[in-house]
Amino acid sequence: MGAFVISKRFDDQYKFVFTSRKGKVIFTSLSYELRFECEEGVERFKVSVESASFLKFKTSKGRYFFKLFLGEEHVATSRKYTTELRVQKGIDEIVKYASVSEILDFSENDLIFID
């Protein structure tokens, strides 16, 4: 099962990523100014994942990705994939596991693995 990981961006805003069962990032959310807004974004997504829509794109370099929408709101953008089949597998994993995935919050600790 995947996991939602909350962390800080370099500009001190918050984001969450959804990682696969193997630990690969599937998508990254847009930025949130406050941590509780980010947490609410994760919870809102978990509840309404069934109604999410995914728009697939292809870059000029031949890489594939998708944008994730809840209603009309753009929520997240996926990582780049080499094939359209891999994009679909990422989407399938989100639909299957997002509602039951755990939330990990690493936003308070800059040094997770201390020497």
PDB file of N, CA and C in Angstrom:
ATOM      1  N   MET A   1       0.842  -1.167   0.000  1.00  0.00           N
ATOM      2  CA  MET A   1       0.000   0.000   0.000  1.00  0.00           C
ATOM      3  C   MET A   1       0.889   1.233   0.000  1.00  0.00           C
ATOM      4  N   GLY A   2       0.443   2.300  -0.600  1.00  0.00           N
ATOM      5  CA  GLY A   2       1.204   3.535  -0.693  1.00  0.00           C
ATOM      6  C   GLY A   2       1.102   4.363   0.570  1.00  0.00           C
ATOM      7  N   ALA A   3       1.684   5.568   0.516  1.00  0.00           N
ATOM      8  CA  ALA A   3       1.641   6.477   1.659  1.00  0.00           C
ATOM      9  C   ALA A   3       1.655   7.916   1.171  1.00  0.00           C
ATOM     10  N   PHE A   4       1.009   8.772   1.937  1.00  0.00           N
ATOM     11  CA  PHE A   4       1.095  10.207   1.716  1.00  0.00           C
ATOM     12  C   PHE A   4       2.193  10.730   2.619  1.00  0.00           C
ATOM     13  N   VAL A   5       3.127  11.494   2.060  1.00  0.00           N
ATOM     14  CA  VAL A   5       4.243  12.031   2.823  1.00  0.00           C
ATOM     15  C   VAL A   5       4.182  13.553   2.757  1.00  0.00           C
ATOM     16  N   ILE A   6       4.004  14.173   3.925  1.00  0.00           N
ATOM     17  CA  ILE A   6       3.964  15.632   4.015  1.00  0.00           C
ATOM     18  C   ILE A   6       5.362  16.129   4.326  1.00  0.00           C
ATOM     19  N   SER A   7       5.799  17.161   3.592  1.00  0.00           N
ATOM     20  CA  SER A   7       7.122  17.737   3.832  1.00  0.00           C
ATOM     21  C   SER A   7       7.099  19.204   3.435  1.00  0.00           C
ATOM     22  N   LYS A   8       8.221  19.874   3.687  1.00  0.00           N
ATOM     23  CA  LYS A   8       8.353  21.280   3.327  1.00  0.00           C
ATOM     24  C   LYS A   8       9.136  21.422   2.031  1.00  0.00           C
ATOM     25  N   ARG A   9       8.743  22.411   1.265  1.00  0.00           N
ATOM     26  CA  ARG A   9       9.525  22.788   0.083  1.00  0.00           C
ATOM     27  C   ARG A   9      10.649  23.728   0.547  1.00  0.00           C
ATOM     28  N   PHE A  10      11.548  24.069  -0.349  1.00  0.00           N
ATOM     29  CA  PHE A  10      12.649  24.965  -0.008  1.00  0.00           C
ATOM     30  C   PHE A  10      12.173  26.370   0.348  1.00  0.00           C
ATOM     31  N   ASP A  11      10.977  26.746  -0.126  1.00  0.00           N
ATOM     32  CA  ASP A  11      10.431  28.075   0.178  1.00  0.00           C
ATOM     33  C   ASP A  11       9.555  28.064   1.434  1.00  0.00           C
ATOM     34  N   ASP A  12       9.672  27.018   2.256  1.00  0.00           N
ATOM     35  CA  ASP A  12       8.949  26.846   3.524  1.00  0.00           C
ATOM     36  C   ASP A  12       7.445  26.639   3.354  1.00  0.00           C
ATOM     37  N   GLN A  13       6.991  26.352   2.159  1.00  0.00           N
ATOM     38  CA  GLN A  13       5.601  25.963   1.985  1.00  0.00           C
ATOM     39  C   GLN A  13       5.519  24.447   2.080  1.00  0.00           C
ATOM     40  N   TYR A  14       4.312  23.953   2.294  1.00  0.00           N
ATOM     41  CA  TYR A  14       4.110  22.517   2.504  1.00  0.00           C
ATOM     42  C   TYR A  14       3.601  21.849   1.237  1.00  0.00           C
ATOM     43  N   LYS A  15       3.884  20.570   1.119  1.00  0.00           N
ATOM     44  CA  LYS A  15       3.407  19.763   0.000  1.00  0.00           C
ATOM     45  C   LYS A  15       3.195  18.347   0.509  1.00  0.00           C
ATOM     46  N   PHE A  16       2.477  17.553  -0.263  1.00  0.00           N
ATOM     47  CA  PHE A  16       2.425  16.132   0.018  1.00  0.00           C
ATOM     48  C   PHE A  16       2.678  15.376  -1.262  1.00  0.00           C
ATOM     49  N   VAL A  17       3.288  14.229  -1.112  1.00  0.00           N
ATOM     50  CA  VAL A  17       3.501  13.338  -2.248  1.00  0.00           C
ATOM     51  C   VAL A  17       2.803  12.024  -1.928  1.00  0.00           C
ATOM     52  N   PHE A  18       2.378  11.345  -2.970  1.00  0.00           N
ATOM     53  CA  PHE A  18       1.844  10.002  -2.801  1.00  0.00           C
ATOM     54  C   PHE A  18       2.885   9.056  -3.348  1.00  0.00           C
ATOM     55  N   THR A  19       3.324   8.115  -2.508  1.00  0.00           N
ATOM     56  CA  THR A  19       4.342   7.167  -2.921  1.00  0.00           C
ATOM     57  C   THR A  19       3.726   5.785  -3.121  1.00  0.00           C
ATOM     58  N   SER A  20       4.310   5.041  -4.016  1.00  0.00           N
ATOM     59  CA  SER A  20       3.837   3.694  -4.313  1.00  0.00           C
ATOM     60  C   SER A  20       4.241   2.728  -3.212  1.00  0.00           C
ATOM     61  N   ARG A  21       3.821   1.489  -3.349  1.00  0.00           N
ATOM     62  CA  ARG A  21       4.194   0.442  -2.402  1.00  0.00           C
ATOM     63  C   ARG A  21       5.696   0.243  -2.373  1.00  0.00           C
ATOM     64  N   LYS A  22       6.362   0.551  -3.471  1.00  0.00           N
ATOM     65  CA  LYS A  22       7.815   0.376  -3.566  1.00  0.00           C
ATOM     66  C   LYS A  22       8.582   1.637  -3.173  1.00  0.00           C
ATOM     67  N   GLY A  23       7.867   2.696  -2.774  1.00  0.00           N
ATOM     68  CA  GLY A  23       8.521   3.921  -2.324  1.00  0.00           C
ATOM     69  C   GLY A  23       8.773   4.956  -3.403  1.00  0.00           C
ATOM     70  N   LYS A  24       8.301   4.728  -4.624  1.00  0.00           N
ATOM     71  CA  LYS A  24       8.479   5.696  -5.711  1.00  0.00           C
ATOM     72  C   LYS A  24       7.395   6.772  -5.627  1.00  0.00           C
ATOM     73  N   VAL A  25       7.770   8.019  -5.863  1.00  0.00           N
ATOM     74  CA  VAL A  25       6.794   9.105  -5.876  1.00  0.00           C
ATOM     75  C   VAL A  25       5.918   8.955  -7.114  1.00  0.00           C
ATOM     76  N   ILE A  26       4.601   8.988  -6.912  1.00  0.00           N
ATOM     77  CA  ILE A  26       3.663   8.919  -8.032  1.00  0.00           C
ATOM     78  C   ILE A  26       3.215  10.323  -8.414  1.00  0.00           C
ATOM     79  N   PHE A  27       2.844  11.134  -7.408  1.00  0.00           N
ATOM     80  CA  PHE A  27       2.502  12.522  -7.702  1.00  0.00           C
ATOM     81  C   PHE A  27       2.897  13.423  -6.553  1.00  0.00           C
ATOM     82  N   THR A  28       3.010  14.715  -6.864  1.00  0.00           N
ATOM     83  CA  THR A  28       3.326  15.745  -5.881  1.00  0.00           C
ATOM     84  C   THR A  28       2.234  16.796  -5.928  1.00  0.00           C
ATOM     85  N   SER A  29       1.770  17.202  -4.758  1.00  0.00           N
ATOM     86  CA  SER A  29       0.698  18.192  -4.677  1.00  0.00           C
ATOM     87  C   SER A  29       1.222  19.588  -5.007  1.00  0.00           C
ATOM     88  N   LEU A  30       0.293  20.496  -5.139  1.00  0.00           N
ATOM     89  CA  LEU A  30       0.647  21.904  -5.230  1.00  0.00           C
ATOM     90  C   LEU A  30       1.073  22.368  -3.839  1.00  0.00           C
ATOM     91  N   SER A  31       1.538  23.602  -3.723  1.00  0.00           N
ATOM     92  CA  SER A  31       2.027  24.125  -2.443  1.00  0.00           C
ATOM     93  C   SER A  31       0.885  24.599  -1.551  1.00  0.00           C
ATOM     94  N   TYR A  32       1.108  24.463  -0.250  1.00  0.00           N
ATOM     95  CA  TYR A  32       0.199  24.961   0.773  1.00  0.00           C
ATOM     96  C   TYR A  32       0.998  25.860   1.701  1.00  0.00           C
ATOM     97  N   GLU A  33       0.408  26.982   2.101  1.00  0.00           N
ATOM     98  CA  GLU A  33       1.114  27.910   2.970  1.00  0.00           C
ATOM     99  C   GLU A  33       1.227  27.378   4.395  1.00  0.00           C
ATOM    100  N   LEU A  34       0.181  26.712   4.875  1.00  0.00           N
ATOM    101  CA  LEU A  34       0.155  26.214   6.247  1.00  0.00           C
ATOM    102  C   LEU A  34       0.050  24.698   6.279  1.00  0.00           C
ATOM    103  N   ARG A  35       0.633  24.084   7.310  1.00  0.00           N
ATOM    104  CA  ARG A  35       0.643  22.632   7.401  1.00  0.00           C
ATOM    105  C   ARG A  35      -0.762  22.051   7.517  1.00  0.00           C
ATOM    106  N   PHE A  36      -1.634  22.686   8.306  1.00  0.00           N
ATOM    107  CA  PHE A  36      -2.975  22.130   8.459  1.00  0.00           C
ATOM    108  C   PHE A  36      -3.741  22.153   7.135  1.00  0.00           C
ATOM    109  N   GLU A  37      -3.446  23.120   6.265  1.00  0.00           N
ATOM    110  CA  GLU A  37      -4.083  23.139   4.942  1.00  0.00           C
ATOM    111  C   GLU A  37      -3.618  21.939   4.115  1.00  0.00           C
ATOM    112  N   CYS A  38      -2.351  21.618   4.232  1.00  0.00           N
ATOM    113  CA  CYS A  38      -1.795  20.463   3.535  1.00  0.00           C
ATOM    114  C   CYS A  38      -2.436  19.175   4.058  1.00  0.00           C
ATOM    115  N   GLU A  39      -2.549  19.055   5.375  1.00  0.00           N
ATOM    116  CA  GLU A  39      -3.181  17.879   5.974  1.00  0.00           C
ATOM    117  C   GLU A  39      -4.628  17.750   5.526  1.00  0.00           C
ATOM    118  N   GLU A  40      -5.344  18.888   5.478  1.00  0.00           N
ATOM    119  CA  GLU A  40      -6.730  18.875   5.006  1.00  0.00           C
ATOM    120  C   GLU A  40      -6.798  18.460   3.540  1.00  0.00           C
ATOM    121  N   GLY A  41      -5.818  18.889   2.746  1.00  0.00           N
ATOM    122  CA  GLY A  41      -5.760  18.503   1.340  1.00  0.00           C
ATOM    123  C   GLY A  41      -5.620  17.001   1.177  1.00  0.00           C
ATOM    124  N   VAL A  42      -4.791  16.381   2.003  1.00  0.00           N
ATOM    125  CA  VAL A  42      -4.619  14.931   1.963  1.00  0.00           C
ATOM    126  C   VAL A  42      -5.932  14.250   2.337  1.00  0.00           C
ATOM    127  N   GLU A  43      -6.541  14.672   3.429  1.00  0.00           N
ATOM    128  CA  GLU A  43      -7.787  14.051   3.891  1.00  0.00           C
ATOM    129  C   GLU A  43      -8.905  14.217   2.861  1.00  0.00           C
ATOM    130  N   ARG A  44      -8.990  15.397   2.277  1.00  0.00           N
ATOM    131  CA  ARG A  44     -10.016  15.652   1.251  1.00  0.00           C
ATOM    132  C   ARG A  44      -9.789  14.740   0.046  1.00  0.00           C
ATOM    133  N   PHE A  45      -8.531  14.571  -0.324  1.00  0.00           N
ATOM    134  CA  PHE A  45      -8.227  13.698  -1.450  1.00  0.00           C
ATOM    135  C   PHE A  45      -8.573  12.249  -1.139  1.00  0.00           C
ATOM    136  N   LYS A  46      -8.212  11.789   0.058  1.00  0.00           N
ATOM    137  CA  LYS A  46      -8.488  10.402   0.436  1.00  0.00           C
ATOM    138  C   LYS A  46      -9.985  10.097   0.382  1.00  0.00           C
ATOM    139  N   VAL A  47     -10.799  11.040   0.811  1.00  0.00           N
ATOM    140  CA  VAL A  47     -12.253  10.848   0.841  1.00  0.00           C
ATOM    141  C   VAL A  47     -12.852  10.877  -0.561  1.00  0.00           C
ATOM    142  N   SER A  48     -12.304  11.706  -1.436  1.00  0.00           N
ATOM    143  CA  SER A  48     -12.928  11.908  -2.748  1.00  0.00           C
ATOM    144  C   SER A  48     -12.105  11.363  -3.912  1.00  0.00           C
ATOM    145  N   VAL A  49     -11.211  10.406  -3.652  1.00  0.00           N
ATOM    146  CA  VAL A  49     -10.370   9.857  -4.715  1.00  0.00           C
ATOM    147  C   VAL A  49     -11.208   9.210  -5.821  1.00  0.00           C
ATOM    148  N   GLU A  50     -12.350   8.660  -5.471  1.00  0.00           N
ATOM    149  CA  GLU A  50     -13.208   8.008  -6.475  1.00  0.00           C
ATOM    150  C   GLU A  50     -13.721   8.993  -7.515  1.00  0.00           C
ATOM    151  N   SER A  51     -13.854  10.268  -7.136  1.00  0.00           N
ATOM    152  CA  SER A  51     -14.358  11.265  -8.084  1.00  0.00           C
ATOM    153  C   SER A  51     -13.238  12.074  -8.745  1.00  0.00           C
ATOM    154  N   ALA A  52     -12.003  11.708  -8.476  1.00  0.00           N
ATOM    155  CA  ALA A  52     -10.867  12.428  -9.069  1.00  0.00           C
ATOM    156  C   ALA A  52     -10.800  12.160 -10.568  1.00  0.00           C
ATOM    157  N   SER A  53     -10.303  13.153 -11.294  1.00  0.00           N
ATOM    158  CA  SER A  53     -10.088  12.961 -12.727  1.00  0.00           C
ATOM    159  C   SER A  53      -8.602  13.166 -13.026  1.00  0.00           C
ATOM    160  N   PHE A  54      -8.145  12.465 -14.035  1.00  0.00           N
ATOM    161  CA  PHE A  54      -6.732  12.455 -14.398  1.00  0.00           C
ATOM    162  C   PHE A  54      -6.616  12.842 -15.862  1.00  0.00           C
ATOM    163  N   LEU A  55      -5.889  13.908 -16.141  1.00  0.00           N
ATOM    164  CA  LEU A  55      -5.641  14.318 -17.522  1.00  0.00           C
ATOM    165  C   LEU A  55      -4.216  13.935 -17.873  1.00  0.00           C
ATOM    166  N   LYS A  56      -4.063  13.146 -18.928  1.00  0.00           N
ATOM    167  CA  LYS A  56      -2.740  12.665 -19.344  1.00  0.00           C
ATOM    168  C   LYS A  56      -2.130  13.617 -20.365  1.00  0.00           C
ATOM    169  N   PHE A  57      -0.810  13.772 -20.275  1.00  0.00           N
ATOM    170  CA  PHE A  57      -0.066  14.647 -21.172  1.00  0.00           C
ATOM    171  C   PHE A  57       1.206  13.947 -21.634  1.00  0.00           C
ATOM    172  N   LYS A  58       1.767  14.467 -22.711  1.00  0.00           N
ATOM    173  CA  LYS A  58       3.045  13.999 -23.219  1.00  0.00           C
ATOM    174  C   LYS A  58       3.935  15.218 -23.429  1.00  0.00           C
ATOM    175  N   THR A  59       5.160  15.162 -22.896  1.00  0.00           N
ATOM    176  CA  THR A  59       6.082  16.282 -23.039  1.00  0.00           C
ATOM    177  C   THR A  59       6.689  16.285 -24.440  1.00  0.00           C
ATOM    178  N   SER A  60       7.364  17.366 -24.770  1.00  0.00           N
ATOM    179  CA  SER A  60       8.024  17.458 -26.070  1.00  0.00           C
ATOM    180  C   SER A  60       9.173  16.449 -26.190  1.00  0.00           C
ATOM    181  N   LYS A  61       9.654  15.950 -25.059  1.00  0.00           N
ATOM    182  CA  LYS A  61      10.737  14.956 -25.063  1.00  0.00           C
ATOM    183  C   LYS A  61      10.210  13.523 -25.019  1.00  0.00           C
ATOM    184  N   GLY A  62       8.894  13.360 -25.151  1.00  0.00           N
ATOM    185  CA  GLY A  62       8.329  12.024 -25.211  1.00  0.00           C
ATOM    186  C   GLY A  62       8.048  11.367 -23.873  1.00  0.00           C
ATOM    187  N   ARG A  63       8.077  12.127 -22.803  1.00  0.00           N
ATOM    188  CA  ARG A  63       7.773  11.590 -21.470  1.00  0.00           C
ATOM    189  C   ARG A  63       6.284  11.814 -21.190  1.00  0.00           C
ATOM    190  N   TYR A  64       5.709  10.967 -20.357  1.00  0.00           N
ATOM    191  CA  TYR A  64       4.282  11.031 -20.050  1.00  0.00           C
ATOM    192  C   TYR A  64       4.067  11.424 -18.590  1.00  0.00           C
ATOM    193  N   PHE A  65       2.984  12.152 -18.328  1.00  0.00           N
ATOM    194  CA  PHE A  65       2.616  12.502 -16.964  1.00  0.00           C
ATOM    195  C   PHE A  65       1.125  12.811 -16.938  1.00  0.00           C
ATOM    196  N   PHE A  66       0.597  12.987 -15.736  1.00  0.00           N
ATOM    197  CA  PHE A  66      -0.807  13.355 -15.612  1.00  0.00           C
ATOM    198  C   PHE A  66      -0.974  14.455 -14.575  1.00  0.00           C
ATOM    199  N   LYS A  67      -2.077  15.175 -14.712  1.00  0.00           N
ATOM    200  CA  LYS A  67      -2.480  16.153 -13.711  1.00  0.00           C
ATOM    201  C   LYS A  67      -3.737  15.612 -13.058  1.00  0.00           C
ATOM    202  N   LEU A  68      -3.796  15.766 -11.759  1.00  0.00           N
ATOM    203  CA  LEU A  68      -4.890  15.227 -10.970  1.00  0.00           C
ATOM    204  C   LEU A  68      -5.827  16.362 -10.564  1.00  0.00           C
ATOM    205  N   PHE A  69      -7.122  16.172 -10.789  1.00  0.00           N
ATOM    206  CA  PHE A  69      -8.123  17.181 -10.478  1.00  0.00           C
ATOM    207  C   PHE A  69      -9.194  16.612  -9.560  1.00  0.00           C
ATOM    208  N   LEU A  70      -9.627  17.432  -8.601  1.00  0.00           N
ATOM    209  CA  LEU A  70     -10.821  17.143  -7.818  1.00  0.00           C
ATOM    210  C   LEU A  70     -11.834  18.199  -8.215  1.00  0.00           C
ATOM    211  N   GLY A  71     -12.839  17.789  -8.942  1.00  0.00           N
ATOM    212  CA  GLY A  71     -13.762  18.761  -9.521  1.00  0.00           C
ATOM    213  C   GLY A  71     -13.011  19.574 -10.560  1.00  0.00           C
ATOM    214  N   GLU A  72     -13.040  20.880 -10.405  1.00  0.00           N
ATOM    215  CA  GLU A  72     -12.325  21.780 -11.325  1.00  0.00           C
ATOM    216  C   GLU A  72     -10.955  22.177 -10.787  1.00  0.00           C
ATOM    217  N   GLU A  73     -10.626  21.755  -9.567  1.00  0.00           N
ATOM    218  CA  GLU A  73      -9.399  22.186  -8.908  1.00  0.00           C
ATOM    219  C   GLU A  73      -8.221  21.262  -9.225  1.00  0.00           C
ATOM    220  N   HIS A  74      -7.147  21.858  -9.737  1.00  0.00           N
ATOM    221  CA  HIS A  74      -5.903  21.118  -9.986  1.00  0.00           C
ATOM    222  C   HIS A  74      -5.239  20.884  -8.639  1.00  0.00           C
ATOM    223  N   VAL A  75      -5.026  19.623  -8.276  1.00  0.00           N
ATOM    224  CA  VAL A  75      -4.519  19.257  -6.964  1.00  0.00           C
ATOM    225  C   VAL A  75      -3.059  18.842  -7.013  1.00  0.00           C
ATOM    226  N   ALA A  76      -2.664  18.105  -8.056  1.00  0.00           N
ATOM    227  CA  ALA A  76      -1.310  17.543  -8.081  1.00  0.00           C
ATOM    228  C   ALA A  76      -0.879  17.236  -9.512  1.00  0.00           C
ATOM    229  N   THR A  77       0.428  17.031  -9.656  1.00  0.00           N
ATOM    230  CA  THR A  77       1.021  16.645 -10.938  1.00  0.00           C
ATOM    231  C   THR A  77       1.912  15.434 -10.694  1.00  0.00           C
ATOM    232  N   SER A  78       1.838  14.485 -11.605  1.00  0.00           N
ATOM    233  CA  SER A  78       2.617  13.252 -11.431  1.00  0.00           C
ATOM    234  C   SER A  78       4.071  13.459 -11.824  1.00  0.00           C
ATOM    235  N   ARG A  79       4.861  12.443 -11.498  1.00  0.00           N
ATOM    236  CA  ARG A  79       6.233  12.423 -11.984  1.00  0.00           C
ATOM    237  C   ARG A  79       6.182  12.065 -13.468  1.00  0.00           C
ATOM    238  N   LYS A  80       7.298  12.137 -14.145  1.00  0.00           N
ATOM    239  CA  LYS A  80       7.361  11.800 -15.566  1.00  0.00           C
ATOM    240  C   LYS A  80       7.586  10.296 -15.719  1.00  0.00           C
ATOM    241  N   TYR A  81       6.891   9.704 -16.676  1.00  0.00           N
ATOM    242  CA  TYR A  81       6.982   8.273 -16.958  1.00  0.00           C
ATOM    243  C   TYR A  81       7.503   8.063 -18.375  1.00  0.00           C
ATOM    244  N   THR A  82       8.057   6.881 -18.624  1.00  0.00           N
ATOM    245  CA  THR A  82       8.609   6.592 -19.946  1.00  0.00           C
ATOM    246  C   THR A  82       7.550   6.099 -20.930  1.00  0.00           C
ATOM    247  N   THR A  83       6.478   5.495 -20.423  1.00  0.00           N
ATOM    248  CA  THR A  83       5.436   4.977 -21.316  1.00  0.00           C
ATOM    249  C   THR A  83       4.056   5.355 -20.794  1.00  0.00           C
ATOM    250  N   GLU A  84       3.099   5.312 -21.686  1.00  0.00           N
ATOM    251  CA  GLU A  84       1.721   5.600 -21.308  1.00  0.00           C
ATOM    252  C   GLU A  84       1.168   4.503 -20.395  1.00  0.00           C
ATOM    253  N   LEU A  85       1.638   3.279 -20.574  1.00  0.00           N
ATOM    254  CA  LEU A  85       1.213   2.175 -19.718  1.00  0.00           C
ATOM    255  C   LEU A  85       1.629   2.408 -18.264  1.00  0.00           C
ATOM    256  N   ARG A  86       2.822   2.931 -18.051  1.00  0.00           N
ATOM    257  CA  ARG A  86       3.286   3.225 -16.692  1.00  0.00           C
ATOM    258  C   ARG A  86       2.462   4.344 -16.054  1.00  0.00           C
ATOM    259  N   VAL A  87       2.049   5.316 -16.858  1.00  0.00           N
ATOM    260  CA  VAL A  87       1.162   6.371 -16.353  1.00  0.00           C
ATOM    261  C   VAL A  87      -0.122   5.746 -15.841  1.00  0.00           C
ATOM    262  N   GLN A  88      -0.698   4.852 -16.625  1.00  0.00           N
ATOM    263  CA  GLN A  88      -1.947   4.215 -16.238  1.00  0.00           C
ATOM    264  C   GLN A  88      -1.768   3.360 -14.982  1.00  0.00           C
ATOM    265  N   LYS A  89      -0.635   2.693 -14.855  1.00  0.00           N
ATOM    266  CA  LYS A  89      -0.370   1.905 -13.652  1.00  0.00           C
ATOM    267  C   LYS A  89      -0.286   2.811 -12.420  1.00  0.00           C
ATOM    268  N   GLY A  90       0.309   3.986 -12.572  1.00  0.00           N
ATOM    269  CA  GLY A  90       0.362   4.956 -11.469  1.00  0.00           C
ATOM    270  C   GLY A  90      -1.027   5.413 -11.065  1.00  0.00           C
ATOM    271  N   ILE A  91      -1.859   5.704 -12.044  1.00  0.00           N
ATOM    272  CA  ILE A  91      -3.242   6.113 -11.774  1.00  0.00           C
ATOM    273  C   ILE A  91      -4.000   4.986 -11.087  1.00  0.00           C
ATOM    274  N   ASP A  92      -3.830   3.769 -11.575  1.00  0.00           N
ATOM    275  CA  ASP A  92      -4.519   2.620 -10.980  1.00  0.00           C
ATOM    276  C   ASP A  92      -4.117   2.437  -9.520  1.00  0.00           C
ATOM    277  N   GLU A  93      -2.845   2.648  -9.220  1.00  0.00           N
ATOM    278  CA  GLU A  93      -2.378   2.498  -7.844  1.00  0.00           C
ATOM    279  C   GLU A  93      -3.001   3.561  -6.939  1.00  0.00           C
ATOM    280  N   ILE A  94      -3.136   4.770  -7.447  1.00  0.00           N
ATOM    281  CA  ILE A  94      -3.774   5.837  -6.675  1.00  0.00           C
ATOM    282  C   ILE A  94      -5.215   5.464  -6.356  1.00  0.00           C
ATOM    283  N   VAL A  95      -5.961   5.071  -7.376  1.00  0.00           N
ATOM    284  CA  VAL A  95      -7.378   4.733  -7.194  1.00  0.00           C
ATOM    285  C   VAL A  95      -7.536   3.563  -6.219  1.00  0.00           C
ATOM    286  N   LYS A  96      -6.647   2.606  -6.304  1.00  0.00           N
ATOM    287  CA  LYS A  96      -6.767   1.405  -5.479  1.00  0.00           C
ATOM    288  C   LYS A  96      -6.359   1.639  -4.020  1.00  0.00           C
ATOM    289  N   TYR A  97      -5.293   2.410  -3.774  1.00  0.00           N
ATOM    290  CA  TYR A  97      -4.718   2.479  -2.441  1.00  0.00           C
ATOM    291  C   TYR A  97      -4.834   3.825  -1.721  1.00  0.00           C
ATOM    292  N   ALA A  98      -5.133   4.901  -2.394  1.00  0.00           N
ATOM    293  CA  ALA A  98      -5.076   6.223  -1.755  1.00  0.00           C
ATOM    294  C   ALA A  98      -6.026   6.347  -0.566  1.00  0.00           C
ATOM    295  N   SER A  99      -7.215   5.821  -0.673  1.00  0.00           N
ATOM    296  CA  SER A  99      -8.188   6.002   0.409  1.00  0.00           C
ATOM    297  C   SER A  99      -7.791   5.283   1.696  1.00  0.00           C
ATOM    298  N   VAL A 100      -6.924   4.281   1.618  1.00  0.00           N
ATOM    299  CA  VAL A 100      -6.524   3.528   2.816  1.00  0.00           C
ATOM    300  C   VAL A 100      -5.050   3.730   3.175  1.00  0.00           C
ATOM    301  N   SER A 101      -4.380   4.628   2.499  1.00  0.00           N
ATOM    302  CA  SER A 101      -2.953   4.856   2.741  1.00  0.00           C
ATOM    303  C   SER A 101      -2.729   5.685   3.997  1.00  0.00           C
ATOM    304  N   GLU A 102      -1.596   5.428   4.638  1.00  0.00           N
ATOM    305  CA  GLU A 102      -1.252   6.174   5.837  1.00  0.00           C
ATOM    306  C   GLU A 102      -0.643   7.523   5.468  1.00  0.00           C
ATOM    307  N   ILE A 103      -0.609   8.419   6.465  1.00  0.00           N
ATOM    308  CA  ILE A 103      -0.038   9.744   6.280  1.00  0.00           C
ATOM    309  C   ILE A 103       1.213   9.846   7.143  1.00  0.00           C
ATOM    310  N   LEU A 104       2.330  10.200   6.521  1.00  0.00           N
ATOM    311  CA  LEU A 104       3.589  10.392   7.231  1.00  0.00           C
ATOM    312  C   LEU A 104       3.944  11.866   7.166  1.00  0.00           C
ATOM    313  N   ASP A 105       4.245  12.473   8.298  1.00  0.00           N
ATOM    314  CA  ASP A 105       4.537  13.908   8.339  1.00  0.00           C
ATOM    315  C   ASP A 105       6.009  14.121   8.680  1.00  0.00           C
ATOM    316  N   PHE A 106       6.784  14.540   7.684  1.00  0.00           N
ATOM    317  CA  PHE A 106       8.194  14.851   7.880  1.00  0.00           C
ATOM    318  C   PHE A 106       8.454  16.350   7.772  1.00  0.00           C
ATOM    319  N   SER A 107       7.425  17.160   7.934  1.00  0.00           N
ATOM    320  CA  SER A 107       7.571  18.593   7.729  1.00  0.00           C
ATOM    321  C   SER A 107       8.303  19.301   8.860  1.00  0.00           C
ATOM    322  N   GLU A 108       8.313  18.732  10.052  1.00  0.00           N
ATOM    323  CA  GLU A 108       8.947  19.384  11.198  1.00  0.00           C
ATOM    324  C   GLU A 108      10.413  19.045  11.335  1.00  0.00           C
ATOM    325  N   ASN A 109      10.855  17.973  10.717  1.00  0.00           N
ATOM    326  CA  ASN A 109      12.202  17.490  10.947  1.00  0.00           C
ATOM    327  C   ASN A 109      13.020  17.569   9.663  1.00  0.00           C
ATOM    328  N   ASP A 110      13.943  18.522   9.593  1.00  0.00           N
ATOM    329  CA  ASP A 110      14.787  18.671   8.411  1.00  0.00           C
ATOM    330  C   ASP A 110      15.808  17.535   8.301  1.00  0.00           C
ATOM    331  N   LEU A 111      16.266  17.039   9.435  1.00  0.00           N
ATOM    332  CA  LEU A 111      17.268  15.981   9.439  1.00  0.00           C
ATOM    333  C   LEU A 111      16.640  14.686   9.928  1.00  0.00           C
ATOM    334  N   ILE A 112      16.099  13.932   9.018  1.00  0.00           N
ATOM    335  CA  ILE A 112      15.430  12.700   9.386  1.00  0.00           C
ATOM    336  C   ILE A 112      16.448  11.630   9.744  1.00  0.00           C
ATOM    337  N   PHE A 113      17.501  11.542   8.956  1.00  0.00           N
ATOM    338  CA  PHE A 113      18.538  10.537   9.189  1.00  0.00           C
ATOM    339  C   PHE A 113      19.788  11.238   9.696  1.00  0.00           C
ATOM    340  N   ILE A 114      19.881  11.359  10.995  1.00  0.00           N
ATOM    341  CA  ILE A 114      21.002  12.063  11.614  1.00  0.00           C
ATOM    342  C   ILE A 114      22.185  11.099  11.738  1.00  0.00           C
ATOM    343  N   ASP A 115      23.394  11.612  11.478  1.00  0.00           N
ATOM    344  CA  ASP A 115      24.602  10.787  11.574  1.00  0.00           C
ATOM    345  C   ASP A 115      24.815  10.275  12.968  1.00  0.00           C
TER     346      ASP A 115
END
